[in-house]
Protein backbone atom coordinates (compact mmCIF):
# COMPACT_ATOMS: atom_id res chain seq x y z
CA MET A 1 105.30 86.72 70.39
CA LYS A 2 101.74 88.02 70.36
CA GLY A 3 100.13 89.91 73.25
CA GLU A 4 98.20 88.50 76.13
CA ASN A 5 95.47 85.94 75.66
CA LYS A 6 94.45 82.80 77.51
CA PHE A 7 96.58 80.51 75.34
CA VAL A 8 99.72 82.63 75.77
CA LYS A 9 99.15 82.86 79.53
CA THR A 10 98.72 79.10 79.76
CA ILE A 11 101.98 78.42 77.87
CA LEU A 12 103.85 80.90 80.10
CA ALA A 13 102.29 79.42 83.24
CA LEU A 14 103.39 75.90 82.33
CA SER A 15 106.87 76.97 81.19
CA THR A 16 107.68 79.02 84.28
CA LYS A 17 106.99 76.02 86.52
CA VAL A 18 109.70 73.88 84.92
CA ILE A 19 112.42 76.38 83.95
CA PRO A 20 115.12 76.83 86.68
CA LYS A 21 115.20 80.24 88.36
CA GLU A 22 118.18 82.54 88.87
CA GLU A 23 118.56 85.26 91.48
CA SER A 24 117.41 88.08 89.23
CA ILE A 25 114.64 90.67 89.49
CA ILE A 26 112.01 91.88 87.08
CA PHE A 27 110.51 95.33 87.56
CA PHE A 28 107.20 96.35 86.03
CA SER A 29 104.80 99.31 86.20
CA SER A 30 102.07 100.54 83.88
CA PRO A 31 101.63 102.30 81.55
CA THR A 32 105.16 103.74 81.76
CA TYR A 33 108.45 103.59 83.67
CA SER A 34 107.08 105.13 86.85
CA ASP A 35 105.71 104.77 90.36
CA SER A 36 107.32 102.88 93.24
CA ALA A 37 108.86 100.29 90.91
CA LYS A 38 110.84 103.07 89.21
CA ALA A 39 111.83 104.60 92.54
CA LEU A 40 112.99 101.25 93.97
CA TYR A 41 114.86 100.34 90.77
CA GLU A 42 116.73 103.65 90.83
CA TYR A 43 117.50 103.24 94.53
CA ALA A 44 119.04 99.83 93.80
CA ARG A 45 121.10 101.19 90.89
CA GLU A 46 122.36 104.05 93.04
CA LYS A 47 123.39 101.57 95.75
CA LYS A 48 125.02 99.36 93.10
CA VAL A 49 123.37 96.20 94.40
CA ASP A 50 124.91 92.99 93.12
CA VAL A 51 121.90 91.44 91.42
CA LYS A 52 120.65 91.28 87.84
CA MET A 53 117.70 93.67 87.33
CA VAL A 54 115.56 93.97 84.18
CA TRP A 55 112.65 96.28 83.39
CA LEU A 56 109.73 94.77 81.49
CA THR A 57 107.15 96.80 79.61
CA LYS A 58 104.33 96.26 77.13
CA ASN A 59 105.53 99.11 74.94
CA ASP A 60 108.31 98.64 72.37
CA GLU A 61 109.11 102.36 72.19
CA GLU A 62 109.51 102.60 75.95
CA ALA A 63 111.83 99.59 75.97
CA ILE A 64 114.03 101.31 73.36
CA LEU A 65 114.06 104.60 75.30
CA LEU A 66 115.02 102.84 78.53
CA ARG A 67 117.85 100.92 76.85
CA ARG A 68 119.22 104.24 75.60
CA ARG A 69 119.47 105.22 79.27
CA ASP A 70 121.41 102.02 80.02
CA ILE A 71 118.41 100.34 81.63
CA PRO A 72 118.04 96.70 80.49
CA ALA A 73 114.44 96.70 79.22
CA TYR A 74 112.32 94.47 77.00
CA ASN A 75 108.75 94.06 75.89
CA ILE A 76 107.28 91.28 78.03
CA TYR A 77 106.08 89.52 74.86
CA SER A 78 109.39 89.74 73.01
CA ARG A 79 111.61 86.66 72.89
CA GLU A 80 114.12 88.23 75.28
CA GLY A 81 111.36 89.47 77.56
CA VAL A 82 109.77 86.03 77.87
CA LYS A 83 113.17 84.45 78.48
CA VAL A 84 113.98 86.88 81.30
CA PHE A 85 110.55 86.50 82.86
CA LEU A 86 110.69 82.71 82.92
CA LYS A 87 114.11 82.69 84.62
CA SER A 88 113.63 85.46 87.19
CA LYS A 89 113.09 84.57 90.82
CA LEU A 90 111.48 87.85 91.90
CA ILE A 91 108.88 90.03 90.16
CA ILE A 92 108.49 93.53 91.62
CA HIS A 93 105.43 95.29 90.26
CA THR A 94 103.02 98.15 90.89
CA HIS A 95 100.42 96.88 88.40
CA MET A 96 99.47 93.38 87.34
CA ILE A 97 101.63 92.17 84.46
CA PHE A 98 98.81 89.91 83.30
CA ARG A 99 95.11 90.64 83.63
CA VAL A 100 93.56 89.65 86.93
CA GLY A 101 91.64 86.39 86.93
CA GLY A 102 91.98 83.06 85.14
CA VAL A 103 95.40 81.46 84.67
CA ILE A 104 98.10 82.42 87.19
CA VAL A 105 101.52 82.81 85.59
CA LYS A 106 103.87 81.94 88.43
CA GLY A 107 106.71 79.46 88.78
CA ASN A 108 107.27 77.24 91.81
CA ARG A 109 110.23 79.31 92.99
CA GLN A 110 109.02 82.66 91.71
CA ARG A 111 107.94 85.36 94.12
CA TYR A 112 105.65 88.31 93.37
CA PHE A 113 106.30 91.47 95.37
CA TYR A 114 103.40 93.87 94.82
CA LEU A 115 104.28 97.49 95.60
CA THR A 116 100.73 98.62 94.73
CA HIS A 117 100.00 101.85 92.87
CA GLY A 118 98.18 103.69 95.60
CA ILE A 119 95.87 103.52 98.57
CA PRO A 120 92.47 102.26 97.37
CA LEU A 121 89.80 104.93 97.58
CA LYS A 122 87.40 104.05 94.77
CA GLY A 123 86.02 100.85 93.29
CA LYS A 124 85.16 97.49 94.78
CA PRO A 125 87.60 95.09 96.45
CA ASN A 126 89.32 92.68 94.08
CA ILE A 127 88.20 89.76 96.24
CA VAL A 128 84.64 90.45 95.07
CA TYR A 129 85.65 89.60 91.50
CA ASN A 130 88.47 87.09 91.91
CA PRO A 131 88.35 85.24 95.25
CA GLU A 132 91.74 83.77 96.25
CA TRP A 133 93.40 84.85 92.96
CA MET A 134 95.53 87.52 94.65
CA THR A 135 96.27 85.22 97.60
CA ARG A 136 97.78 82.67 95.24
CA LEU A 137 99.75 85.26 93.25
CA ILE A 138 101.11 87.82 95.74
CA ASP A 139 103.79 86.74 98.21
CA ARG A 140 104.47 90.13 99.73
CA SER A 141 103.16 93.68 99.54
CA ILE A 142 103.70 97.02 101.25
CA THR A 143 101.61 99.80 102.69
CA THR A 144 101.89 103.04 104.63
CA SER A 145 100.24 102.54 108.05
CA GLN A 146 98.39 100.02 110.17
CA LEU A 147 95.02 101.42 109.09
CA VAL A 148 95.93 101.16 105.42
CA GLN A 149 97.36 97.69 106.02
CA TYR A 150 93.87 96.52 106.99
CA ILE A 151 92.35 98.32 104.00
CA HIS A 152 94.80 96.70 101.60
CA ALA A 153 94.36 93.22 103.08
CA SER A 154 90.59 93.36 102.74
CA TRP A 155 90.83 95.02 99.33
CA LEU A 156 93.23 92.54 97.78
CA GLY A 157 92.03 89.50 99.69
CA ILE A 158 95.50 88.55 100.91
CA PRO A 159 96.58 87.73 104.49
CA LEU A 160 97.53 90.67 106.68
CA TYR A 161 100.96 89.22 107.50
CA ARG A 162 102.05 89.49 103.86
CA ILE A 163 101.66 93.28 103.89
CA GLU A 164 104.49 95.21 105.54
CA ILE A 165 104.35 98.83 106.68
CA THR A 166 107.27 100.54 104.95
CA GLY A 167 105.92 103.57 103.12
CA TYR A 168 106.00 103.84 99.32
CA PRO A 169 109.38 104.23 97.57
CA ARG A 170 107.85 106.74 95.13
CA ASN A 171 107.30 109.14 98.05
CA ASP A 172 110.99 109.33 99.00
CA VAL A 173 111.54 112.05 96.43
CA LEU A 174 108.94 114.25 98.15
CA LEU A 175 110.98 114.48 101.33
CA LYS A 176 114.61 114.22 100.23
CA PRO A 177 116.82 117.22 101.04
CA GLY A 178 116.75 119.61 98.06
CA SER A 179 113.58 118.09 96.58
CA ILE A 180 111.79 121.45 96.24
CA GLY A 181 114.63 123.02 94.27
CA HIS A 182 114.88 120.02 91.95
CA ALA A 183 111.11 119.99 91.42
CA VAL A 184 110.99 123.69 90.59
CA ARG A 185 113.78 123.30 88.03
CA TYR A 186 112.01 120.32 86.41
CA LEU A 187 108.75 122.22 86.18
CA GLU A 188 110.46 125.33 84.79
CA LYS A 189 112.16 123.21 82.14
CA ILE A 190 108.83 121.69 81.10
CA LEU A 191 106.96 125.01 81.06
CA GLY A 192 109.79 126.91 79.40
CA PHE A 193 109.94 129.82 81.84
CA GLU A 194 110.94 130.62 85.42
CA LEU A 195 108.26 130.40 88.08
CA ASN A 196 109.44 133.51 89.95
CA ASN A 197 107.44 132.67 93.08
CA LYS A 198 104.21 131.99 91.20
CA ILE A 199 101.60 130.08 93.20
CA THR A 200 101.27 126.67 91.54
CA PHE A 201 98.13 124.55 91.44
CA LEU A 202 98.09 121.01 90.05
CA TYR A 203 94.81 119.43 88.93
CA THR A 204 94.96 115.61 88.77
CA PRO A 205 91.47 114.23 88.06
CA THR A 206 90.87 110.51 87.91
CA PHE A 207 89.50 109.10 84.68
CA ARG A 208 85.84 109.15 83.65
CA ILE A 209 86.38 107.33 80.36
CA TYR A 210 88.81 104.45 79.97
CA TYR A 211 90.07 104.72 76.40
CA SER A 212 91.73 101.64 74.95
CA LYS A 213 92.30 100.42 71.40
CA ARG A 214 91.63 96.89 72.61
CA PHE A 215 87.91 97.59 72.95
CA LYS A 216 85.20 98.25 70.39
CA GLY A 217 84.83 101.96 69.74
CA GLY A 218 88.02 102.62 71.72
CA ILE A 219 86.15 102.83 75.03
CA ARG A 220 86.29 100.18 77.74
CA LYS A 221 84.11 101.84 80.38
CA VAL A 222 82.60 105.11 81.56
CA ASP A 223 82.41 106.22 85.20
CA GLY A 224 80.80 109.29 86.67
CA ARG A 225 79.93 112.20 84.40
CA PRO A 226 82.58 112.91 81.73
CA TYR A 227 83.15 116.51 80.67
CA ASP A 228 83.76 117.78 77.15
CA ASN A 229 86.48 120.34 77.81
CA ILE A 230 89.93 120.72 79.35
CA LEU A 231 88.23 121.28 82.73
CA PRO A 232 84.69 120.43 83.86
CA PHE A 233 83.60 124.02 83.14
CA LYS A 234 82.25 126.14 80.29
CA ASP A 235 84.62 127.99 77.96
CA ASP A 236 83.80 131.41 79.42
CA GLU A 237 84.44 130.07 82.93
CA ILE A 238 87.81 128.66 81.89
CA LYS A 239 88.72 132.02 80.35
CA ASP A 240 87.69 133.78 83.57
CA LEU A 241 89.83 131.37 85.60
CA ASP A 242 92.80 131.95 83.30
CA ASN A 243 92.47 135.72 83.76
CA MET A 244 92.18 135.42 87.54
CA LEU A 245 95.30 133.27 87.74
CA GLY A 246 97.21 135.82 85.71
CA ARG A 247 96.13 138.72 87.94
CA ASP A 248 97.15 136.82 91.07
CA ASN A 249 100.55 135.56 89.86
CA ALA A 250 99.38 131.96 89.84
CA LEU A 251 99.17 129.10 87.37
CA LEU A 252 97.21 125.88 87.01
CA ILE A 253 98.78 122.71 85.64
CA ILE A 254 96.56 119.86 84.45
CA ARG A 255 97.77 116.27 84.56
CA TYR A 256 95.21 113.88 83.08
CA HIS A 257 94.90 110.24 84.10
CA PRO A 258 96.88 107.92 81.76
CA PHE A 259 93.62 106.27 80.61
CA GLU A 260 92.41 109.60 79.21
CA GLU A 261 95.64 111.41 78.45
CA LEU A 262 96.12 110.60 74.76
CA TYR A 263 92.50 111.41 73.93
CA LYS A 264 92.52 114.68 75.87
CA ILE A 265 95.79 115.80 74.26
CA LYS A 266 94.50 115.03 70.78
CA VAL A 267 91.18 116.83 71.22
CA TYR A 268 92.09 119.80 73.42
CA ARG A 269 95.71 120.74 72.73
CA ASP A 270 94.66 123.82 70.73
CA LYS A 271 92.61 125.09 73.68
CA PHE A 272 95.68 125.00 75.91
CA ASN A 273 97.60 127.03 73.33
CA LYS A 274 95.07 129.87 73.74
CA LEU A 275 95.50 130.07 77.52
CA LYS A 276 98.24 131.94 79.33
CA ASN A 277 98.10 130.57 82.86
CA ILE A 278 96.66 127.06 82.45
CA PHE A 279 99.10 124.41 81.23
CA LEU A 280 99.09 120.76 80.21
CA LEU A 281 101.54 118.32 81.81
CA THR A 282 101.92 115.03 79.93
CA SER A 283 103.67 111.72 80.45
CA GLY A 284 105.79 112.46 77.39
CA MET A 285 107.08 115.71 78.87
CA MET A 286 108.16 113.93 82.04
CA ASN A 287 109.53 110.87 80.26
CA LYS A 288 111.93 113.08 78.29
CA LEU A 289 113.46 114.18 81.60
CA GLY A 290 113.33 110.69 83.09
CA ILE A 291 111.02 111.83 85.89
CA SER A 292 107.50 111.15 87.16
CA ILE A 293 104.74 113.26 88.68
CA TYR A 294 106.32 112.66 92.11
CA ASP A 295 109.43 114.60 91.04
CA ILE A 296 107.12 117.54 90.26
CA LEU A 297 104.92 117.46 93.39
CA PRO A 298 107.34 119.31 95.73
CA SER A 299 106.99 122.38 93.47
CA ILE A 300 103.18 122.43 93.81
CA ASP A 301 101.57 124.78 96.35
CA CYS A 302 98.11 123.22 96.20
CA LEU A 303 96.82 119.93 94.83
CA ILE A 304 93.36 119.78 93.24
CA THR A 305 91.88 116.34 92.68
CA ASP A 306 88.63 114.43 92.97
CA TYR A 307 88.82 110.69 93.69
CA SER A 308 92.46 110.10 92.83
CA SER A 309 94.53 108.63 95.65
CA ILE A 310 97.49 110.87 94.80
CA TYR A 311 96.33 113.20 97.57
CA PHE A 312 97.26 110.58 100.19
CA ASP A 313 100.88 110.95 99.03
CA TYR A 314 100.64 114.74 98.82
CA LEU A 315 99.69 114.81 102.53
CA LEU A 316 103.38 114.25 103.29
CA LEU A 317 104.08 117.79 102.05
CA ASP A 318 101.48 119.34 104.39
CA ARG A 319 100.03 121.67 101.78
CA PRO A 320 96.41 122.56 100.89
CA ILE A 321 94.21 120.14 98.93
CA ILE A 322 91.00 120.95 97.06
CA PHE A 323 88.51 118.21 96.13
CA HIS A 324 86.48 119.12 93.05
CA ILE A 325 83.74 116.49 93.20
CA TYR A 326 81.14 117.85 90.74
CA ASP A 327 79.88 114.35 89.84
CA ILE A 328 80.29 112.51 93.13
CA GLU A 329 76.82 110.92 93.18
CA ASP A 330 77.22 109.59 89.64
CA TYR A 331 80.73 108.38 90.34
CA PHE A 332 79.67 106.69 93.55
CA LYS A 333 76.94 104.78 91.70
CA SER A 334 79.32 103.49 89.04
CA ARG A 335 82.51 102.85 91.07
CA GLY A 336 81.82 103.21 94.79
CA PHE A 337 84.28 104.26 97.51
CA ILE A 338 85.86 102.62 100.53
CA ILE A 339 84.04 105.19 102.67
CA ASP A 340 80.39 106.20 102.79
CA LEU A 341 79.27 108.80 100.24
CA GLN A 342 78.16 111.27 102.91
CA ASP A 343 81.43 110.85 104.82
CA PHE A 344 83.32 111.72 101.64
CA LYS A 345 81.22 114.83 101.12
CA ASP A 346 80.63 116.07 104.66
CA THR A 347 83.63 115.08 106.77
CA THR A 348 87.38 115.63 106.60
CA ILE A 349 88.63 112.44 108.22
CA PHE A 350 89.74 110.94 104.89
CA THR A 351 89.34 114.01 102.66
CA PRO A 352 90.96 116.96 104.49
CA GLY A 353 90.27 119.85 102.19
CA GLU A 354 87.72 122.16 100.60
CA LYS A 355 84.98 120.34 98.63
CA THR A 356 83.81 122.14 95.47
CA TYR A 357 80.94 121.28 93.12
CA THR A 358 80.52 124.25 90.77
CA TYR A 359 82.81 126.67 88.96
CA ASN A 360 82.14 129.39 91.53
CA ASP A 361 83.05 126.98 94.36
CA PHE A 362 86.23 126.04 92.52
CA ARG A 363 87.19 129.65 91.86
CA ASP A 364 86.56 130.67 95.47
CA ALA A 365 88.65 127.75 96.80
CA ILE A 366 91.58 128.74 94.59
CA SER A 367 91.19 132.35 95.68
CA ASN A 368 91.37 131.27 99.32
CA ILE A 369 94.68 129.51 98.74
CA ILE A 370 96.09 132.46 96.81
CA ASN A 371 95.15 134.66 99.78
CA ARG A 372 96.91 132.22 102.16
CA GLN A 373 93.72 131.01 103.83
CA ASP A 374 94.66 127.47 104.76
CA LEU A 375 91.51 126.33 106.57
CA TYR A 376 92.25 122.59 106.78
CA ALA A 377 95.77 122.37 108.24
CA LYS A 378 94.63 120.56 111.42
CA ASP A 379 92.48 118.15 109.40
CA ARG A 380 95.43 117.28 107.15
CA LEU A 381 97.65 116.55 110.14
CA ARG A 382 95.04 114.19 111.58
CA THR A 383 94.68 112.33 108.27
CA LEU A 384 98.44 112.26 107.78
CA LYS A 385 98.87 110.44 111.09
CA LEU A 386 96.25 107.87 110.08
CA ILE A 387 97.71 107.24 106.62
CA HIS A 388 101.49 107.50 107.07
CA LYS A 389 103.50 105.84 109.81
CA TYR A 390 106.76 107.07 108.30
CA ARG A 391 107.34 110.66 107.20
CA ASP A 392 110.87 110.41 105.86
CA HIS A 393 112.73 109.58 102.63
CA LYS A 394 113.76 106.03 103.59
CA SER A 395 110.90 103.90 102.25
CA SER A 396 113.09 102.43 99.50
CA GLU A 397 115.66 101.40 102.09
CA ARG A 398 113.00 99.61 104.16
CA VAL A 399 111.50 97.94 101.10
CA TRP A 400 114.88 96.71 99.86
CA ARG A 401 115.36 94.73 103.06
CA ILE A 402 112.26 92.76 102.04
CA VAL A 403 113.70 92.28 98.55
CA ASP A 404 116.83 90.74 100.11
CA GLN A 405 114.69 88.35 102.15
CA LEU A 406 112.67 87.24 99.14
CA LEU A 407 115.76 86.72 96.99
CA HIS A 408 117.88 84.81 99.46
CA ASN A 409 115.41 82.84 101.59
């Protein structure tokens, strides 16, 4: 079966309304087996729940890899994938299976349980583009606190009562007993050497360019001010940073956004090979171990990001965060934020960490962390209390109670 288009969506929408449903669950995340859908699926397998569960993907290779790990998985547009989708009563997803807007593919007895893929920080609310679309599609969703519940409701345009405060299943791994040891071993396996108490920094920038083969020229959109390097710095500055990290027994790991990852790897892999203390972390590296970025986070001493909502999750570890926002005015113009531009830049209510704009700022902020100068600990605690009601490893357990309700009511 061919990929998504209006005709295919219409056929699926009509078929799913007449085909009887069975008490089975579809799981879906994008672009890979990851996020809270992965965490909840693995929780259910560990608990040996008595319900049929199938993973759907849009990637044939991933479906094959998952089946090799004894995970029933199919391409959504394969014959088996369509068959499973049409019969399943519950769809658990972190990303939309079909593009937002237009035809809604949903049977009369089907339920969509949206786990979300993060707390919205950038962009405009979906209700601006597709009024009532989400309300008609999503039957239940989850969030992390009362404040974020209101943010999600206004963002998605769905009633507040459909969003339950449970925490995100993907964050359970951050707080499980033994998580730091497991994370260190995963990272050592990927890097190929022992960390030996090195100070670890992880840089997780959001995307500036959305690369996709589906669009002319391979580019769907551009936000902010893209940079033509492995970091938004000059070559001599990157070399200086690499040397400083080496002197101070530290390392920097770069994890690009999935929208940019393949392009960045193709263009800049050779540059990484010339550096001794700056490393690339890819989806492929983690997929080989059957893990996600959340399995790595407990091994990270300091997170560096810009406008990526991953830092909301990292707050649970109570460790320093650096915001490198070199293009914030440009990014604000093209995407916007849920908070005022000046609040993002000048306050720490939502962004509890050092703000850097230039290479020298960035270097100094890293130096502060290496020298154990944690200047924003109180700010992080305040933000943590606003963002996370639960600070434990039982989000999957709370979410599964909702799954039971949706399946059996």
